[in-house]
């Protein structure tokens, strides 16, 4: 939890967006790659499991898949 997870969650709560899809896992190659929570206004908070402060350094494949889904308007 090197990135301020709790602070980010508090900021999202301050937006008063509704939760559309509560915490669920997303997968890469049949393994849990992280967790997501979807909010109204097209906001998704995603985590990357077993990643440090520079997530792409620790989990490059999972981060690339997450980024590819985001840039193509896909979902995790």
C-alpha atoms as a PDB file:
ATOM      1  CA  UNK A   1       0.000   0.000   0.000  1.00  0.00           C
ATOM      2  CA  UNK A   2       2.697   2.498  -0.993  1.00  0.00           C
ATOM      3  CA  UNK A   3       0.209   4.651  -2.868  1.00  0.00           C
ATOM      4  CA  UNK A   4      -2.171   6.390  -0.425  1.00  0.00           C
ATOM      5  CA  UNK A   5      -5.005   3.891  -0.850  1.00  0.00           C
ATOM      6  CA  UNK A   6      -7.034   5.225   2.077  1.00  0.00           C
ATOM      7  CA  UNK A   7      -6.615   8.829   0.934  1.00  0.00           C
ATOM      8  CA  UNK A   8      -7.717   7.946  -2.587  1.00  0.00           C
ATOM      9  CA  UNK A   9     -10.749   6.115  -1.241  1.00  0.00           C
ATOM     10  CA  UNK A  10     -11.628   9.114   0.968  1.00  0.00           C
ATOM     11  CA  UNK A  11     -11.350  11.436  -2.035  1.00  0.00           C
ATOM     12  CA  UNK A  12     -13.630   9.199  -4.105  1.00  0.00           C
ATOM     13  CA  UNK A  13     -16.163   9.113  -1.239  1.00  0.00           C
ATOM     14  CA  UNK A  14     -16.101  12.940  -1.166  1.00  0.00           C
ATOM     15  CA  UNK A  15     -17.364  12.925  -4.762  1.00  0.00           C
ATOM     16  CA  UNK A  16     -20.578  11.233  -3.559  1.00  0.00           C
ATOM     17  CA  UNK A  17     -20.620   8.906  -6.570  1.00  0.00           C
ATOM     18  CA  UNK A  18     -22.805   5.838  -6.288  1.00  0.00           C
ATOM     19  CA  UNK A  19     -21.139   2.436  -6.200  1.00  0.00           C
ATOM     20  CA  UNK A  20     -22.346   0.478  -9.227  1.00  0.00           C
ATOM     21  CA  UNK A  21     -20.215  -2.653  -8.775  1.00  0.00           C
ATOM     22  CA  UNK A  22     -18.627  -3.285  -5.397  1.00  0.00           C
ATOM     23  CA  UNK A  23     -15.232  -4.892  -4.927  1.00  0.00           C
ATOM     24  CA  UNK A  24     -14.545  -7.749  -7.284  1.00  0.00           C
ATOM     25  CA  UNK A  25     -11.406  -9.371  -8.592  1.00  0.00           C
ATOM     26  CA  UNK A  26     -10.034  -9.067 -12.105  1.00  0.00           C
ATOM     27  CA  UNK A  27      -7.895 -11.804 -13.613  1.00  0.00           C
ATOM     28  CA  UNK A  28      -4.930 -12.389 -15.898  1.00  0.00           C
ATOM     29  CA  UNK A  29      -4.117 -15.936 -17.022  1.00  0.00           C
ATOM     30  CA  UNK A  30      -6.617 -17.358 -14.526  1.00  0.00           C
ATOM     31  CA  UNK A  31      -4.963 -15.627 -11.544  1.00  0.00           C
ATOM     32  CA  UNK A  32      -6.273 -12.699  -9.500  1.00  0.00           C
ATOM     33  CA  UNK A  33      -4.448  -9.614 -10.824  1.00  0.00           C
ATOM     34  CA  UNK A  34      -6.168  -7.063  -8.587  1.00  0.00           C
ATOM     35  CA  UNK A  35      -9.517  -5.684  -7.525  1.00  0.00           C
ATOM     36  CA  UNK A  36     -11.905  -3.087  -8.910  1.00  0.00           C
ATOM     37  CA  UNK A  37     -14.771  -0.989  -7.674  1.00  0.00           C
ATOM     38  CA  UNK A  38     -16.992   0.785 -10.198  1.00  0.00           C
ATOM     39  CA  UNK A  39     -18.741   4.075  -9.497  1.00  0.00           C
ATOM     40  CA  UNK A  40     -21.211   6.249 -11.352  1.00  0.00           C
ATOM     41  CA  UNK A  41     -19.849   8.890 -13.749  1.00  0.00           C
ATOM     42  CA  UNK A  42     -17.725   6.214 -15.450  1.00  0.00           C
ATOM     43  CA  UNK A  43     -15.161   6.013 -12.624  1.00  0.00           C
ATOM     44  CA  UNK A  44     -13.420   2.724 -11.836  1.00  0.00           C
ATOM     45  CA  UNK A  45     -10.893   2.322  -9.045  1.00  0.00           C
ATOM     46  CA  UNK A  46      -8.520  -0.566  -9.749  1.00  0.00           C
ATOM     47  CA  UNK A  47      -5.728  -2.140  -7.749  1.00  0.00           C
ATOM     48  CA  UNK A  48      -2.852  -4.299  -8.976  1.00  0.00           C
ATOM     49  CA  UNK A  49      -2.014  -7.213  -6.712  1.00  0.00           C
ATOM     50  CA  UNK A  50       1.607  -7.674  -5.588  1.00  0.00           C
ATOM     51  CA  UNK A  51       2.709  -4.356  -7.075  1.00  0.00           C
ATOM     52  CA  UNK A  52       4.821  -1.738  -5.402  1.00  0.00           C
ATOM     53  CA  UNK A  53       4.822   2.038  -5.772  1.00  0.00           C
ATOM     54  CA  UNK A  54       5.785   1.681  -9.435  1.00  0.00           C
ATOM     55  CA  UNK A  55       3.280  -1.021 -10.340  1.00  0.00           C
ATOM     56  CA  UNK A  56       4.490  -1.520 -13.957  1.00  0.00           C
ATOM     57  CA  UNK A  57       7.949  -2.333 -12.620  1.00  0.00           C
ATOM     58  CA  UNK A  58       6.599  -5.143 -10.429  1.00  0.00           C
ATOM     59  CA  UNK A  59       3.638  -6.357 -12.497  1.00  0.00           C
ATOM     60  CA  UNK A  60       4.266  -5.245 -16.112  1.00  0.00           C
ATOM     61  CA  UNK A  61       1.935  -7.723 -17.801  1.00  0.00           C
ATOM     62  CA  UNK A  62      -0.983  -7.019 -15.461  1.00  0.00           C
ATOM     63  CA  UNK A  63      -0.498  -3.258 -15.769  1.00  0.00           C
ATOM     64  CA  UNK A  64      -0.381  -3.465 -19.566  1.00  0.00           C
ATOM     65  CA  UNK A  65      -3.605  -5.457 -19.633  1.00  0.00           C
ATOM     66  CA  UNK A  66      -5.224  -2.968 -17.237  1.00  0.00           C
ATOM     67  CA  UNK A  67      -4.058  -0.041 -19.394  1.00  0.00           C
ATOM     68  CA  UNK A  68      -5.153  -1.703 -22.647  1.00  0.00           C
ATOM     69  CA  UNK A  69      -8.631  -2.258 -21.198  1.00  0.00           C
ATOM     70  CA  UNK A  70      -8.831   1.351 -20.045  1.00  0.00           C
ATOM     71  CA  UNK A  71      -7.650   2.887 -23.323  1.00  0.00           C
ATOM     72  CA  UNK A  72     -10.060   0.732 -25.345  1.00  0.00           C
ATOM     73  CA  UNK A  73     -12.994   1.458 -22.980  1.00  0.00           C
ATOM     74  CA  UNK A  74     -13.059  -2.187 -21.915  1.00  0.00           C
ATOM     75  CA  UNK A  75     -13.582  -3.440 -18.411  1.00  0.00           C
ATOM     76  CA  UNK A  76     -11.445  -5.470 -16.076  1.00  0.00           C
END
